[in-house]
């Protein structure tokens, strides 16, 4: 964190807490005054002259704002708690390029990760088993390849991506749509703790005590893409918030990758839409690593997703194309149903397939 006086730090935190004073307005305000302390003590008419609404200026001296700023100062005194600010030399360079880059970032864990090469992985909260398996497998291989895996701690693909990185002692960053003291979803409180314990980081531009609000999650997405060299969409419907992240990534000049799926699976349609719009079609981790050659810090582990996704059994080849019932597999493979059932049992014991709602689904190793 850049060295500033205690009074200046408190002034920055108080300004950050003001309603309707988003990143653009805060930067405009700070550019008009020598420092945050001067901006905080300036008369209301000076704020109005900058085109800032009265709702921004009125509460700046309220006891509630002072108390919340004091609580943030107390939080920063605890181990592994950090604040990255716009004038900090360690502020992430890629994120700094954004016109609405966050002036303040609260970080729990290792802030140094934010400067390392990152790959964002996002997708559906209601992901299928194959989608979750793909997210885990890709995250493992990309983390082994030297990339920090960045996502949003959501249920589904996000959680699988974080877990995949942790599985191989890789690094992962979770960018939250809440304050760091209001972790959401609650089902991922344990995952968030593991991320920090294993050397990762939790990041949020929002005040520490900011509860979940729907409008803040799309806002969070620009940080996920802004920190990253590219965004990999693993599985998403056309209405998924992951497509917002992909659009933001394209607008920010980042690479966009998408994993295709079955034409019968609704969760693949968002990825197919992205591919039609120009996203790179990804069938293996090598498709990503080749595109970002030179950024990775170490060569990918030999048991990468290219091998993990390559079917070595005729039934797996069918199931990688689309989940099927036992009868459909027998018809597609030309084998007797009894033989197919016996082979599926062996594959299930080996952990390579799973039965879900009456159909068989292939799992990458």
Protein backbone atom coordinates (compact mmCIF):
# COMPACT_ATOMS: atom_id res chain seq x y z
CA UNK A 1 0.00 0.00 0.00
CA UNK A 2 1.30 3.47 -0.88
CA UNK A 3 2.47 5.48 2.14
CA UNK A 4 -0.04 8.17 3.05
CA UNK A 5 -0.70 9.97 6.30
CA UNK A 6 -3.33 8.53 8.67
CA UNK A 7 -5.54 11.57 8.00
CA UNK A 8 -5.26 11.12 4.23
CA UNK A 9 -6.03 7.40 4.47
CA UNK A 10 -9.13 8.07 6.57
CA UNK A 11 -10.23 10.78 4.10
CA UNK A 12 -9.90 8.34 1.19
CA UNK A 13 -11.93 5.72 3.03
CA UNK A 14 -14.65 8.25 3.88
CA UNK A 15 -14.90 9.43 0.28
CA UNK A 16 -15.07 5.82 -0.87
CA UNK A 17 -18.07 5.22 1.41
CA UNK A 18 -20.16 8.07 0.03
CA UNK A 19 -23.32 7.07 -1.90
CA UNK A 20 -23.42 7.70 -5.65
CA UNK A 21 -19.71 8.48 -5.75
CA UNK A 22 -18.53 5.77 -8.12
CA UNK A 23 -15.06 5.33 -9.64
CA UNK A 24 -15.43 7.97 -12.35
CA UNK A 25 -16.87 10.61 -10.02
CA UNK A 26 -14.31 9.89 -7.34
CA UNK A 27 -11.45 10.28 -9.78
CA UNK A 28 -12.98 13.51 -11.07
CA UNK A 29 -13.23 14.81 -7.52
CA UNK A 30 -9.68 13.85 -6.61
CA UNK A 31 -8.26 15.38 -9.78
CA UNK A 32 -9.78 18.73 -8.76
CA UNK A 33 -8.06 18.86 -5.35
CA UNK A 34 -4.52 18.31 -4.09
CA UNK A 35 -5.55 15.29 -2.02
CA UNK A 36 -8.51 13.45 -0.52
CA UNK A 37 -8.36 15.45 2.70
CA UNK A 38 -8.79 18.68 0.74
CA UNK A 39 -11.67 17.20 -1.27
CA UNK A 40 -13.39 16.01 1.89
CA UNK A 41 -13.19 19.43 3.57
CA UNK A 42 -14.12 21.47 0.48
CA UNK A 43 -17.42 23.42 0.58
CA UNK A 44 -20.50 21.83 -0.96
CA UNK A 45 -20.64 24.41 -3.75
CA UNK A 46 -17.19 23.26 -4.92
CA UNK A 47 -18.58 19.74 -5.31
CA UNK A 48 -21.64 21.05 -7.13
CA UNK A 49 -19.39 22.99 -9.50
CA UNK A 50 -17.89 19.65 -10.51
CA UNK A 51 -21.34 18.35 -11.39
CA UNK A 52 -21.53 16.01 -8.41
CA UNK A 53 -25.01 15.43 -6.97
CA UNK A 54 -25.90 16.65 -3.49
CA UNK A 55 -26.37 13.04 -2.37
CA UNK A 56 -22.60 12.59 -2.66
CA UNK A 57 -21.59 15.57 -0.53
CA UNK A 58 -24.21 15.68 2.20
CA UNK A 59 -23.27 12.58 4.26
CA UNK A 60 -19.47 13.06 4.15
CA UNK A 61 -19.30 14.44 7.69
CA UNK A 62 -21.90 12.12 9.19
CA UNK A 63 -21.01 10.00 12.25
CA UNK A 64 -22.01 6.85 10.36
CA UNK A 65 -19.44 7.50 7.62
CA UNK A 66 -16.77 8.21 10.23
CA UNK A 67 -17.59 4.99 12.10
CA UNK A 68 -17.47 2.86 8.96
CA UNK A 69 -14.13 4.42 7.95
CA UNK A 70 -12.78 3.70 11.46
CA UNK A 71 -13.93 0.08 11.12
CA UNK A 72 -12.09 -0.18 7.78
CA UNK A 73 -8.92 1.19 9.40
CA UNK A 74 -9.21 -1.44 12.12
CA UNK A 75 -9.67 -4.15 9.47
CA UNK A 76 -6.48 -3.01 7.70
CA UNK A 77 -4.48 -3.49 10.89
CA UNK A 78 -5.12 -7.24 10.80
CA UNK A 79 -2.69 -9.70 9.14
CA UNK A 80 -3.13 -10.31 5.39
CA UNK A 81 -5.48 -7.34 5.01
CA UNK A 82 -4.48 -4.75 2.44
CA UNK A 83 -5.74 -1.72 0.53
CA UNK A 84 -4.50 -1.03 -3.00
CA UNK A 85 -5.07 2.55 -4.15
CA UNK A 86 -4.99 4.32 -7.50
CA UNK A 87 -1.59 5.96 -6.85
CA UNK A 88 0.04 2.80 -5.51
CA UNK A 89 3.00 1.72 -7.72
CA UNK A 90 1.87 -1.89 -7.26
CA UNK A 91 -1.66 -1.21 -8.53
CA UNK A 92 -2.36 -3.81 -11.28
CA UNK A 93 -1.24 -2.41 -14.61
CA UNK A 94 -3.93 -4.07 -16.73
CA UNK A 95 -6.69 -2.92 -14.40
CA UNK A 96 -5.31 0.60 -14.38
CA UNK A 97 -6.01 0.83 -18.12
CA UNK A 98 -9.78 0.84 -17.54
CA UNK A 99 -11.55 4.21 -17.65
CA UNK A 100 -13.55 3.16 -14.59
CA UNK A 101 -10.72 1.40 -12.74
CA UNK A 102 -11.49 1.05 -9.02
CA UNK A 103 -9.76 3.81 -7.02
CA UNK A 104 -9.57 1.48 -4.01
CA UNK A 105 -9.28 -2.30 -3.80
CA UNK A 106 -9.59 -4.22 -0.54
CA UNK A 107 -7.48 -7.39 -0.59
CA UNK A 108 -7.45 -10.30 1.83
CA UNK A 109 -4.47 -12.53 1.15
CA UNK A 110 -1.56 -11.91 -1.20
CA UNK A 111 -1.89 -8.60 -3.11
CA UNK A 112 1.15 -9.51 -5.21
CA UNK A 113 -0.97 -11.99 -7.18
CA UNK A 114 -2.86 -9.12 -8.81
CA UNK A 115 0.26 -8.23 -10.80
CA UNK A 116 0.85 -11.77 -12.08
CA UNK A 117 -0.48 -13.14 -15.41
CA UNK A 118 -4.09 -14.15 -14.87
CA UNK A 119 -6.70 -16.14 -16.76
CA UNK A 120 -10.33 -15.50 -15.84
CA UNK A 121 -12.66 -18.50 -15.83
CA UNK A 122 -16.40 -17.92 -15.61
CA UNK A 123 -19.64 -19.71 -16.35
CA UNK A 124 -23.04 -20.84 -15.20
CA UNK A 125 -24.04 -21.00 -11.53
CA UNK A 126 -26.20 -24.02 -12.42
CA UNK A 127 -23.53 -25.86 -14.33
CA UNK A 128 -23.81 -29.44 -15.53
CA UNK A 129 -21.49 -32.14 -14.23
CA UNK A 130 -19.41 -32.08 -17.46
CA UNK A 131 -19.17 -28.29 -17.21
CA UNK A 132 -17.92 -28.47 -13.63
CA UNK A 133 -15.44 -31.18 -14.55
CA UNK A 134 -14.15 -29.14 -17.48
CA UNK A 135 -13.74 -26.07 -15.28
CA UNK A 136 -11.79 -28.04 -12.69
CA UNK A 137 -9.59 -29.75 -15.28
CA UNK A 138 -8.82 -26.57 -17.22
CA UNK A 139 -8.08 -24.64 -14.01
CA UNK A 140 -5.68 -27.33 -12.84
CA UNK A 141 -3.74 -27.31 -16.09
CA UNK A 142 -3.71 -23.53 -16.51
CA UNK A 143 -2.58 -23.09 -12.90
CA UNK A 144 0.20 -25.62 -13.51
CA UNK A 145 1.06 -23.61 -16.61
CA UNK A 146 1.85 -20.60 -14.44
CA UNK A 147 -1.38 -18.63 -14.64
CA UNK A 148 -3.31 -17.25 -11.70
CA UNK A 149 -6.94 -18.40 -12.02
CA UNK A 150 -9.30 -15.48 -11.45
CA UNK A 151 -13.04 -15.83 -10.97
CA UNK A 152 -15.98 -14.56 -8.95
CA UNK A 153 -16.48 -17.13 -6.12
CA UNK A 154 -20.00 -17.86 -7.40
CA UNK A 155 -21.58 -21.29 -7.28
CA UNK A 156 -21.04 -23.54 -10.28
CA UNK A 157 -18.19 -22.86 -12.70
CA UNK A 158 -16.53 -20.15 -10.59
CA UNK A 159 -16.20 -22.39 -7.57
CA UNK A 160 -14.93 -25.30 -9.67
CA UNK A 161 -12.28 -23.06 -11.23
CA UNK A 162 -11.02 -21.84 -7.85
CA UNK A 163 -10.99 -25.41 -6.53
CA UNK A 164 -9.13 -26.70 -9.56
CA UNK A 165 -6.31 -24.23 -8.98
CA UNK A 166 -6.17 -25.13 -5.29
CA UNK A 167 -6.04 -28.85 -6.16
CA UNK A 168 -2.60 -28.42 -7.75
CA UNK A 169 -1.27 -25.83 -5.26
CA UNK A 170 -1.84 -23.12 -7.85
CA UNK A 171 -2.81 -19.51 -7.26
CA UNK A 172 -6.33 -18.17 -7.50
CA UNK A 173 -8.05 -14.81 -7.00
CA UNK A 174 -11.73 -14.38 -6.13
CA UNK A 175 -13.23 -11.01 -7.05
CA UNK A 176 -16.35 -10.40 -4.98
CA UNK A 177 -19.56 -8.52 -5.66
CA UNK A 178 -19.86 -7.80 -1.92
CA UNK A 179 -17.63 -6.38 0.77
CA UNK A 180 -14.97 -8.71 2.15
CA UNK A 181 -16.81 -8.87 5.46
CA UNK A 182 -20.03 -10.02 3.76
CA UNK A 183 -18.91 -13.07 1.80
CA UNK A 184 -21.46 -14.39 -0.70
CA UNK A 185 -22.60 -17.02 -1.40
CA UNK A 186 -22.45 -18.32 2.15
CA UNK A 187 -21.88 -21.84 0.81
CA UNK A 188 -18.44 -20.65 -0.34
CA UNK A 189 -17.26 -19.16 2.95
CA UNK A 190 -15.07 -22.24 3.45
CA UNK A 191 -13.71 -22.01 -0.10
CA UNK A 192 -12.88 -18.33 0.45
CA UNK A 193 -10.95 -19.20 3.60
CA UNK A 194 -9.00 -21.91 1.75
CA UNK A 195 -8.11 -19.48 -1.02
CA UNK A 196 -6.48 -17.12 1.49
CA UNK A 197 -4.87 -19.92 3.52
CA UNK A 198 -3.31 -21.37 0.35
CA UNK A 199 -1.72 -18.09 -0.74
CA UNK A 200 -4.53 -16.73 -2.93
CA UNK A 201 -6.49 -13.52 -2.58
CA UNK A 202 -10.00 -12.18 -2.13
CA UNK A 203 -10.58 -8.81 -3.80
CA UNK A 204 -13.37 -6.24 -3.72
CA UNK A 205 -13.75 -2.58 -4.61
CA UNK A 206 -16.83 -2.33 -2.40
CA UNK A 207 -16.90 -1.15 1.22
CA UNK A 208 -16.10 -3.97 3.60
CA UNK A 209 -19.63 -4.07 5.02
CA UNK A 210 -21.42 -3.98 1.65
CA UNK A 211 -24.09 -6.69 1.57
CA UNK A 212 -25.13 -8.55 -1.62
CA UNK A 213 -26.89 -6.30 -4.12
CA UNK A 214 -27.81 -7.45 -7.61
CA UNK A 215 -26.38 -4.35 -9.32
CA UNK A 216 -22.91 -4.94 -7.88
CA UNK A 217 -22.26 -8.28 -9.55
CA UNK A 218 -22.12 -7.03 -13.17
CA UNK A 219 -19.96 -4.18 -11.84
CA UNK A 220 -17.66 -6.80 -10.29
CA UNK A 221 -17.29 -8.52 -13.65
CA UNK A 222 -15.28 -5.66 -15.18
CA UNK A 223 -12.63 -6.24 -12.52
CA UNK A 224 -12.47 -9.98 -13.25
CA UNK A 225 -11.86 -9.32 -16.94
CA UNK A 226 -9.78 -6.20 -16.31
CA UNK A 227 -7.24 -8.06 -14.21
CA UNK A 228 -6.88 -10.87 -16.74
CA UNK A 229 -5.14 -11.47 -20.04
CA UNK A 230 -8.20 -13.34 -21.25
CA UNK A 231 -11.54 -14.80 -20.19
CA UNK A 232 -12.49 -18.44 -20.66
CA UNK A 233 -16.25 -19.09 -20.61
CA UNK A 234 -16.73 -22.74 -19.72
CA UNK A 235 -20.51 -23.12 -19.83
CA UNK A 236 -23.22 -20.47 -20.03
CA UNK A 237 -26.76 -19.86 -21.19
CA UNK A 238 -27.48 -16.83 -23.41
CA UNK A 239 -28.78 -14.94 -20.34
CA UNK A 240 -25.79 -15.76 -18.14
CA UNK A 241 -23.87 -13.00 -16.43
CA UNK A 242 -20.75 -14.68 -17.78
CA UNK A 243 -21.56 -13.20 -21.18
CA UNK A 244 -21.38 -9.76 -19.56
CA UNK A 245 -17.86 -10.59 -18.43
CA UNK A 246 -17.00 -11.78 -21.95
CA UNK A 247 -18.40 -8.59 -23.51
CA UNK A 248 -16.44 -6.44 -21.07
CA UNK A 249 -13.31 -8.43 -21.83
CA UNK A 250 -13.72 -7.80 -25.56
CA UNK A 251 -14.28 -4.09 -24.93
CA UNK A 252 -11.15 -4.02 -22.77
CA UNK A 253 -9.08 -5.63 -25.51
CA UNK A 254 -8.75 -8.96 -23.71
CA UNK A 255 -8.92 -12.38 -25.34
CA UNK A 256 -12.22 -14.27 -25.11
CA UNK A 257 -12.34 -18.06 -25.22
CA UNK A 258 -15.35 -20.38 -25.11
CA UNK A 259 -15.72 -24.14 -24.74
CA UNK A 260 -18.41 -25.55 -27.07
CA UNK A 261 -20.92 -28.16 -26.00
CA UNK A 262 -23.82 -30.22 -27.26
CA UNK A 263 -26.39 -28.41 -29.38
CA UNK A 264 -29.00 -30.05 -27.13
CA UNK A 265 -27.60 -28.57 -23.91
CA UNK A 266 -29.02 -25.11 -22.99
CA UNK A 267 -25.85 -24.36 -21.02
CA UNK A 268 -23.79 -24.50 -24.22
CA UNK A 269 -25.78 -21.91 -26.14
CA UNK A 270 -24.09 -18.92 -24.55
CA UNK A 271 -20.68 -20.31 -25.49
CA UNK A 272 -21.87 -20.99 -29.04
CA UNK A 273 -23.15 -17.43 -29.24
CA UNK A 274 -19.74 -16.12 -28.18
CA UNK A 275 -17.99 -18.28 -30.76
CA UNK A 276 -20.27 -16.92 -33.50
CA UNK A 277 -19.34 -13.42 -32.32
CA UNK A 278 -15.63 -14.12 -32.63
CA UNK A 279 -14.55 -15.82 -29.41
CA UNK A 280 -11.85 -18.44 -29.82
CA UNK A 281 -13.20 -21.98 -29.79
CA UNK A 282 -11.40 -24.00 -27.12
CA UNK A 283 -11.18 -27.80 -27.20
CA UNK A 284 -8.08 -28.23 -25.04
CA UNK A 285 -5.90 -26.21 -22.71
CA UNK A 286 -3.31 -26.00 -25.49
CA UNK A 287 -5.69 -23.74 -27.43
CA UNK A 288 -5.38 -21.20 -24.59
CA UNK A 289 -1.69 -21.72 -23.89
CA UNK A 290 -0.76 -21.30 -27.55
CA UNK A 291 -2.68 -18.03 -27.76
CA UNK A 292 -0.95 -16.69 -24.64
CA UNK A 293 2.49 -18.14 -25.30
CA UNK A 294 5.13 -16.06 -23.56
CA UNK A 295 2.93 -15.09 -20.61
CA UNK A 296 3.01 -18.36 -18.70
CA UNK A 297 5.67 -18.61 -16.00
CA UNK A 298 6.32 -22.34 -16.24
CA UNK A 299 5.56 -25.08 -18.79
CA UNK A 300 2.22 -26.85 -18.37
CA UNK A 301 2.23 -30.14 -16.53
CA UNK A 302 2.29 -33.13 -18.83
CA UNK A 303 -1.12 -34.42 -17.71
CA UNK A 304 -2.86 -31.36 -19.07
CA UNK A 305 -6.41 -31.01 -20.24
CA UNK A 306 -5.50 -32.06 -23.78
CA UNK A 307 -4.85 -35.51 -22.39
CA UNK A 308 -7.58 -35.28 -19.77
CA UNK A 309 -10.25 -34.61 -22.36
CA UNK A 310 -9.04 -37.08 -24.96
CA UNK A 311 -11.35 -40.09 -24.87
CA UNK A 312 -9.51 -43.43 -24.89
CA UNK A 313 -12.65 -45.57 -24.98
CA UNK A 314 -15.27 -45.75 -27.77
CA UNK A 315 -18.14 -45.10 -25.34
CA UNK A 316 -16.32 -42.04 -23.96
CA UNK A 317 -16.07 -40.64 -27.48
CA UNK A 318 -19.86 -40.78 -27.72
CA UNK A 319 -20.39 -39.29 -24.27
CA UNK A 320 -17.97 -36.42 -24.83
CA UNK A 321 -20.17 -35.43 -27.76
CA UNK A 322 -23.34 -35.50 -25.65
CA UNK A 323 -24.76 -37.26 -22.58
CA UNK A 324 -26.72 -40.37 -23.54
CA UNK A 325 -28.88 -43.07 -22.02
CA UNK A 326 -27.63 -46.67 -21.97
CA UNK A 327 -30.00 -47.56 -24.81
CA UNK A 328 -28.87 -44.62 -26.94
CA UNK A 329 -25.25 -45.57 -26.38
CA UNK A 330 -25.93 -49.13 -27.44
CA UNK A 331 -27.58 -47.91 -30.64
CA UNK A 332 -24.83 -45.38 -31.39
CA UNK A 333 -21.99 -47.81 -30.75
CA UNK A 334 -23.61 -50.83 -32.38
CA UNK A 335 -22.96 -52.96 -29.30
CA UNK A 336 -25.42 -55.14 -27.36
CA UNK A 337 -27.00 -53.33 -24.43
CA UNK A 338 -25.58 -55.89 -21.99
CA UNK A 339 -22.04 -55.18 -23.19
CA UNK A 340 -22.57 -51.43 -22.97
CA UNK A 341 -23.88 -51.73 -19.41
CA UNK A 342 -20.86 -53.82 -18.38
CA UNK A 343 -18.43 -51.31 -19.89
CA UNK A 344 -20.27 -48.38 -18.31
CA UNK A 345 -19.98 -50.05 -14.91
CA UNK A 346 -16.21 -50.34 -15.34
CA UNK A 347 -15.94 -46.73 -16.48
CA UNK A 348 -18.05 -45.59 -13.52
CA UNK A 349 -15.83 -47.46 -11.06
CA UNK A 350 -12.83 -45.83 -12.73
CA UNK A 351 -14.42 -42.41 -12.23
CA UNK A 352 -14.67 -41.67 -15.94
CA UNK A 353 -18.45 -41.55 -16.27
CA UNK A 354 -21.34 -40.74 -13.99
CA UNK A 355 -25.07 -41.38 -14.29
CA UNK A 356 -27.26 -38.27 -13.89
CA UNK A 357 -31.04 -38.31 -14.25
CA UNK A 358 -31.04 -41.44 -16.38
CA UNK A 359 -28.25 -40.43 -18.76
CA UNK A 360 -24.53 -41.10 -18.74
CA UNK A 361 -22.04 -38.21 -18.65
CA UNK A 362 -18.30 -38.40 -19.35
CA UNK A 363 -15.91 -36.97 -16.77
CA UNK A 364 -12.42 -35.76 -17.69
CA UNK A 365 -9.68 -37.38 -15.62
